[in-house]
Amino acid sequence: MLIGTDTSPEASLRVQELLACLRKIADRYGVPLASVAIRWTLQQPEVAAVVLGGRDASHIETFLLAYRFRLTGDDMNAIAAVLAKGRPVSGDRTENEQSRLSAGVQ
């Protein structure tokens, strides 16, 4: 799992590697890192829709920017290469999240 209950130093390094990868792509497109993460989610073949929510109206522009570009195959492969280094999360995501919260992991 890349992010979640794995709090090991290795998992932290994988998260930092993912953020660096996303930042590099974001800089190339001139968009916030969050827009790249949203765009990546939108381009997943199994994703029919993305529900976005922000704390305030200033986040709307970041959301909209995700619809103004498409990630290339190279971008998608770069992100996939980092994600492949983690252990996949299996099972129901809601149950995984509830277990994590019950364990006191934030």
N, C-alpha and C. Protein backbone atom coordinates (compact mmCIF):
# COMPACT_ATOMS: atom_id res chain seq x y z
N MET A 1 0.85 -1.16 0.00
CA MET A 1 0.00 0.00 0.00
C MET A 1 0.90 1.22 0.00
N LEU A 2 0.58 2.19 -0.80
CA LEU A 2 1.40 3.38 -0.87
C LEU A 2 1.09 4.32 0.28
N ILE A 3 -0.16 4.53 0.55
CA ILE A 3 -0.59 5.41 1.62
C ILE A 3 -1.64 4.66 2.40
N GLY A 4 -1.65 4.80 3.69
CA GLY A 4 -2.64 4.10 4.50
C GLY A 4 -2.06 3.74 5.84
N THR A 5 -2.21 2.49 6.23
CA THR A 5 -1.77 2.06 7.55
C THR A 5 -0.28 1.79 7.62
N ASP A 6 0.39 1.73 6.50
CA ASP A 6 1.83 1.47 6.49
C ASP A 6 2.56 2.76 6.86
N THR A 7 3.10 2.79 8.08
CA THR A 7 3.80 3.99 8.55
C THR A 7 5.31 3.78 8.60
N SER A 8 5.78 2.77 7.89
CA SER A 8 7.21 2.46 7.89
C SER A 8 8.00 3.55 7.18
N PRO A 9 9.29 3.64 7.47
CA PRO A 9 10.13 4.60 6.75
C PRO A 9 10.12 4.37 5.24
N GLU A 10 10.03 3.10 4.83
CA GLU A 10 9.98 2.79 3.39
C GLU A 10 8.72 3.36 2.76
N ALA A 11 7.60 3.26 3.45
CA ALA A 11 6.34 3.81 2.92
C ALA A 11 6.44 5.33 2.82
N SER A 12 7.07 5.94 3.80
CA SER A 12 7.24 7.40 3.77
C SER A 12 8.09 7.81 2.57
N LEU A 13 9.12 7.04 2.28
CA LEU A 13 9.97 7.33 1.12
C LEU A 13 9.19 7.17 -0.19
N ARG A 14 8.31 6.15 -0.25
CA ARG A 14 7.48 5.96 -1.45
C ARG A 14 6.53 7.14 -1.64
N VAL A 15 5.97 7.63 -0.56
CA VAL A 15 5.07 8.79 -0.66
C VAL A 15 5.85 9.99 -1.17
N GLN A 16 7.05 10.20 -0.64
CA GLN A 16 7.87 11.32 -1.10
C GLN A 16 8.25 11.17 -2.57
N GLU A 17 8.51 9.95 -2.98
CA GLU A 17 8.83 9.69 -4.40
C GLU A 17 7.63 9.99 -5.29
N LEU A 18 6.44 9.60 -4.83
CA LEU A 18 5.22 9.87 -5.59
C LEU A 18 4.99 11.38 -5.69
N LEU A 19 5.15 12.08 -4.58
CA LEU A 19 4.95 13.54 -4.60
C LEU A 19 5.95 14.21 -5.54
N ALA A 20 7.20 13.74 -5.55
CA ALA A 20 8.21 14.31 -6.46
C ALA A 20 7.83 14.05 -7.91
N CYS A 21 7.33 12.86 -8.19
CA CYS A 21 6.90 12.51 -9.55
C CYS A 21 5.74 13.41 -9.98
N LEU A 22 4.73 13.54 -9.12
CA LEU A 22 3.59 14.39 -9.44
C LEU A 22 4.00 15.85 -9.59
N ARG A 23 4.93 16.31 -8.75
CA ARG A 23 5.40 17.71 -8.82
C ARG A 23 6.09 17.97 -10.16
N LYS A 24 6.92 17.03 -10.60
CA LYS A 24 7.61 17.17 -11.88
C LYS A 24 6.61 17.31 -13.03
N ILE A 25 5.59 16.46 -13.01
CA ILE A 25 4.56 16.52 -14.04
C ILE A 25 3.77 17.83 -13.92
N ALA A 26 3.41 18.20 -12.70
CA ALA A 26 2.65 19.44 -12.48
C ALA A 26 3.42 20.66 -12.99
N ASP A 27 4.70 20.69 -12.71
CA ASP A 27 5.52 21.82 -13.17
C ASP A 27 5.55 21.89 -14.70
N ARG A 28 5.61 20.75 -15.34
CA ARG A 28 5.64 20.74 -16.80
C ARG A 28 4.34 21.29 -17.40
N TYR A 29 3.21 21.00 -16.76
CA TYR A 29 1.92 21.50 -17.25
C TYR A 29 1.55 22.87 -16.67
N GLY A 30 2.30 23.33 -15.68
CA GLY A 30 2.00 24.60 -15.04
C GLY A 30 0.72 24.57 -14.22
N VAL A 31 0.48 23.45 -13.55
CA VAL A 31 -0.72 23.29 -12.74
C VAL A 31 -0.33 22.83 -11.33
N PRO A 32 -1.23 22.96 -10.37
CA PRO A 32 -0.94 22.44 -9.03
C PRO A 32 -0.83 20.92 -9.02
N LEU A 33 -0.09 20.39 -8.09
CA LEU A 33 0.07 18.95 -7.94
C LEU A 33 -1.29 18.27 -7.81
N ALA A 34 -2.21 18.87 -7.08
CA ALA A 34 -3.55 18.28 -6.90
C ALA A 34 -4.27 18.10 -8.24
N SER A 35 -4.06 19.01 -9.17
CA SER A 35 -4.70 18.87 -10.48
C SER A 35 -4.18 17.64 -11.22
N VAL A 36 -2.91 17.34 -11.04
CA VAL A 36 -2.34 16.15 -11.68
C VAL A 36 -2.94 14.89 -11.04
N ALA A 37 -3.07 14.89 -9.72
CA ALA A 37 -3.65 13.73 -9.04
C ALA A 37 -5.10 13.52 -9.49
N ILE A 38 -5.85 14.59 -9.62
CA ILE A 38 -7.23 14.50 -10.10
C ILE A 38 -7.26 13.98 -11.53
N ARG A 39 -6.39 14.54 -12.39
CA ARG A 39 -6.35 14.11 -13.79
C ARG A 39 -6.00 12.64 -13.89
N TRP A 40 -5.03 12.17 -13.08
CA TRP A 40 -4.65 10.76 -13.09
C TRP A 40 -5.86 9.89 -12.75
N THR A 41 -6.61 10.30 -11.74
CA THR A 41 -7.80 9.55 -11.34
C THR A 41 -8.83 9.52 -12.47
N LEU A 42 -9.03 10.67 -13.11
CA LEU A 42 -9.99 10.75 -14.21
C LEU A 42 -9.61 9.85 -15.38
N GLN A 43 -8.32 9.62 -15.58
CA GLN A 43 -7.85 8.82 -16.71
C GLN A 43 -7.78 7.33 -16.40
N GLN A 44 -8.17 6.92 -15.20
CA GLN A 44 -8.20 5.50 -14.88
C GLN A 44 -9.42 4.88 -15.56
N PRO A 45 -9.23 3.83 -16.34
CA PRO A 45 -10.35 3.27 -17.11
C PRO A 45 -11.50 2.78 -16.25
N GLU A 46 -11.23 2.38 -15.01
CA GLU A 46 -12.29 1.87 -14.16
C GLU A 46 -13.03 2.96 -13.39
N VAL A 47 -12.63 4.21 -13.57
CA VAL A 47 -13.26 5.33 -12.86
C VAL A 47 -14.30 5.98 -13.76
N ALA A 48 -15.55 5.98 -13.29
CA ALA A 48 -16.64 6.58 -14.05
C ALA A 48 -16.82 8.06 -13.71
N ALA A 49 -16.49 8.43 -12.49
CA ALA A 49 -16.68 9.82 -12.06
C ALA A 49 -15.77 10.09 -10.86
N VAL A 50 -15.47 11.35 -10.66
CA VAL A 50 -14.66 11.77 -9.52
C VAL A 50 -15.48 12.81 -8.77
N VAL A 51 -15.67 12.58 -7.47
CA VAL A 51 -16.39 13.54 -6.63
C VAL A 51 -15.34 14.36 -5.90
N LEU A 52 -15.36 15.65 -6.13
CA LEU A 52 -14.37 16.55 -5.55
C LEU A 52 -15.04 17.46 -4.53
N GLY A 53 -14.32 17.77 -3.48
CA GLY A 53 -14.82 18.70 -2.48
C GLY A 53 -13.65 19.49 -1.92
N GLY A 54 -13.86 20.75 -1.72
CA GLY A 54 -12.81 21.60 -1.17
C GLY A 54 -13.28 22.27 0.11
N ARG A 55 -12.33 22.82 0.83
CA ARG A 55 -12.67 23.53 2.06
C ARG A 55 -13.23 24.91 1.79
N ASP A 56 -12.85 25.47 0.63
CA ASP A 56 -13.37 26.79 0.29
C ASP A 56 -13.35 26.98 -1.22
N ALA A 57 -13.91 28.08 -1.68
CA ALA A 57 -14.08 28.34 -3.11
C ALA A 57 -12.75 28.42 -3.87
N SER A 58 -11.67 28.71 -3.17
CA SER A 58 -10.37 28.83 -3.86
C SER A 58 -9.93 27.49 -4.47
N HIS A 59 -10.47 26.39 -4.02
CA HIS A 59 -10.08 25.08 -4.56
C HIS A 59 -10.73 24.77 -5.90
N ILE A 60 -11.75 25.50 -6.26
CA ILE A 60 -12.47 25.22 -7.51
C ILE A 60 -11.54 25.35 -8.71
N GLU A 61 -10.67 26.33 -8.75
CA GLU A 61 -9.76 26.51 -9.88
C GLU A 61 -8.84 25.30 -10.04
N THR A 62 -8.35 24.77 -8.93
CA THR A 62 -7.51 23.57 -8.99
C THR A 62 -8.27 22.41 -9.61
N PHE A 63 -9.54 22.26 -9.21
CA PHE A 63 -10.37 21.19 -9.76
C PHE A 63 -10.55 21.39 -11.26
N LEU A 64 -10.86 22.60 -11.67
CA LEU A 64 -11.12 22.88 -13.08
C LEU A 64 -9.87 22.69 -13.95
N LEU A 65 -8.71 23.01 -13.40
CA LEU A 65 -7.47 22.84 -14.16
C LEU A 65 -7.25 21.39 -14.57
N ALA A 66 -7.76 20.46 -13.79
CA ALA A 66 -7.59 19.04 -14.11
C ALA A 66 -8.29 18.65 -15.40
N TYR A 67 -9.23 19.47 -15.83
CA TYR A 67 -9.97 19.19 -17.07
C TYR A 67 -9.37 19.91 -18.28
N ARG A 68 -8.29 20.64 -18.08
CA ARG A 68 -7.70 21.43 -19.17
C ARG A 68 -6.46 20.79 -19.78
N PHE A 69 -6.13 19.60 -19.33
CA PHE A 69 -4.99 18.89 -19.91
C PHE A 69 -5.22 17.40 -19.75
N ARG A 70 -4.46 16.61 -20.49
CA ARG A 70 -4.47 15.15 -20.36
C ARG A 70 -3.05 14.69 -20.10
N LEU A 71 -2.91 13.70 -19.26
CA LEU A 71 -1.60 13.12 -19.02
C LEU A 71 -1.22 12.24 -20.20
N THR A 72 0.03 12.31 -20.59
CA THR A 72 0.53 11.46 -21.68
C THR A 72 0.75 10.05 -21.16
N GLY A 73 0.99 9.14 -22.08
CA GLY A 73 1.34 7.77 -21.70
C GLY A 73 2.58 7.74 -20.83
N ASP A 74 3.56 8.59 -21.16
CA ASP A 74 4.78 8.65 -20.34
C ASP A 74 4.48 9.13 -18.94
N ASP A 75 3.58 10.13 -18.80
CA ASP A 75 3.19 10.61 -17.47
C ASP A 75 2.54 9.49 -16.68
N MET A 76 1.59 8.80 -17.31
CA MET A 76 0.87 7.72 -16.64
C MET A 76 1.83 6.60 -16.24
N ASN A 77 2.78 6.28 -17.11
CA ASN A 77 3.76 5.24 -16.81
C ASN A 77 4.68 5.64 -15.67
N ALA A 78 5.06 6.91 -15.60
CA ALA A 78 5.93 7.38 -14.52
C ALA A 78 5.21 7.25 -13.18
N ILE A 79 3.95 7.64 -13.14
CA ILE A 79 3.18 7.52 -11.91
C ILE A 79 2.98 6.05 -11.56
N ALA A 80 2.65 5.24 -12.55
CA ALA A 80 2.43 3.80 -12.32
C ALA A 80 3.69 3.13 -11.77
N ALA A 81 4.85 3.54 -12.25
CA ALA A 81 6.10 2.94 -11.80
C ALA A 81 6.32 3.19 -10.31
N VAL A 82 5.97 4.39 -9.85
CA VAL A 82 6.11 4.69 -8.42
C VAL A 82 5.07 3.91 -7.63
N LEU A 83 3.83 3.91 -8.09
CA LEU A 83 2.77 3.20 -7.38
C LEU A 83 3.04 1.71 -7.29
N ALA A 84 3.69 1.14 -8.31
CA ALA A 84 3.97 -0.29 -8.34
C ALA A 84 4.95 -0.71 -7.24
N LYS A 85 5.67 0.22 -6.69
CA LYS A 85 6.64 -0.09 -5.63
C LYS A 85 5.97 -0.37 -4.29
N GLY A 86 4.70 0.04 -4.15
CA GLY A 86 3.98 -0.18 -2.90
C GLY A 86 3.19 -1.47 -2.96
N ARG A 87 2.68 -1.87 -1.82
CA ARG A 87 1.80 -3.03 -1.76
C ARG A 87 0.39 -2.56 -2.09
N PRO A 88 -0.31 -3.26 -2.96
CA PRO A 88 -1.68 -2.83 -3.29
C PRO A 88 -2.61 -3.00 -2.09
N VAL A 89 -3.57 -2.13 -2.00
CA VAL A 89 -4.61 -2.25 -0.98
C VAL A 89 -5.63 -3.23 -1.51
N SER A 90 -5.97 -4.23 -0.72
CA SER A 90 -6.95 -5.20 -1.18
C SER A 90 -8.20 -5.11 -0.31
N GLY A 91 -9.28 -5.62 -0.83
CA GLY A 91 -10.52 -5.63 -0.08
C GLY A 91 -11.30 -4.35 -0.25
N ASP A 92 -12.35 -4.25 0.52
CA ASP A 92 -13.24 -3.10 0.47
C ASP A 92 -12.53 -1.88 1.04
N ARG A 93 -12.46 -0.82 0.27
CA ARG A 93 -11.75 0.38 0.70
C ARG A 93 -12.41 1.01 1.93
N THR A 94 -13.75 0.96 2.01
CA THR A 94 -14.45 1.53 3.16
C THR A 94 -14.07 0.77 4.42
N GLU A 95 -14.04 -0.57 4.33
CA GLU A 95 -13.65 -1.37 5.50
C GLU A 95 -12.21 -1.09 5.89
N ASN A 96 -11.33 -0.95 4.90
CA ASN A 96 -9.93 -0.64 5.20
C ASN A 96 -9.82 0.70 5.93
N GLU A 97 -10.55 1.69 5.46
CA GLU A 97 -10.51 3.01 6.09
C GLU A 97 -11.10 2.97 7.49
N GLN A 98 -12.20 2.26 7.67
CA GLN A 98 -12.80 2.14 9.01
C GLN A 98 -11.85 1.45 9.97
N SER A 99 -11.17 0.40 9.52
CA SER A 99 -10.19 -0.29 10.36
C SER A 99 -9.06 0.63 10.74
N ARG A 100 -8.60 1.40 9.78
CA ARG A 100 -7.51 2.33 10.03
C ARG A 100 -7.92 3.36 11.07
N LEU A 101 -9.10 3.91 10.94
CA LEU A 101 -9.59 4.92 11.89
C LEU A 101 -9.82 4.31 13.26
N SER A 102 -10.34 3.07 13.30
CA SER A 102 -10.56 2.39 14.58
C SER A 102 -9.25 2.16 15.31
N ALA A 103 -8.19 1.95 14.55
CA ALA A 103 -6.87 1.72 15.13
C ALA A 103 -6.21 3.02 15.57
N GLY A 104 -6.85 4.14 15.28
CA GLY A 104 -6.29 5.44 15.67
C GLY A 104 -5.26 5.99 14.71
N VAL A 105 -5.17 5.43 13.51
CA VAL A 105 -4.20 5.90 12.52
C VAL A 105 -4.84 7.06 11.76
N GLN A 106 -4.17 8.19 11.74
CA GLN A 106 -4.70 9.37 11.05
C GLN A 106 -4.11 9.53 9.69
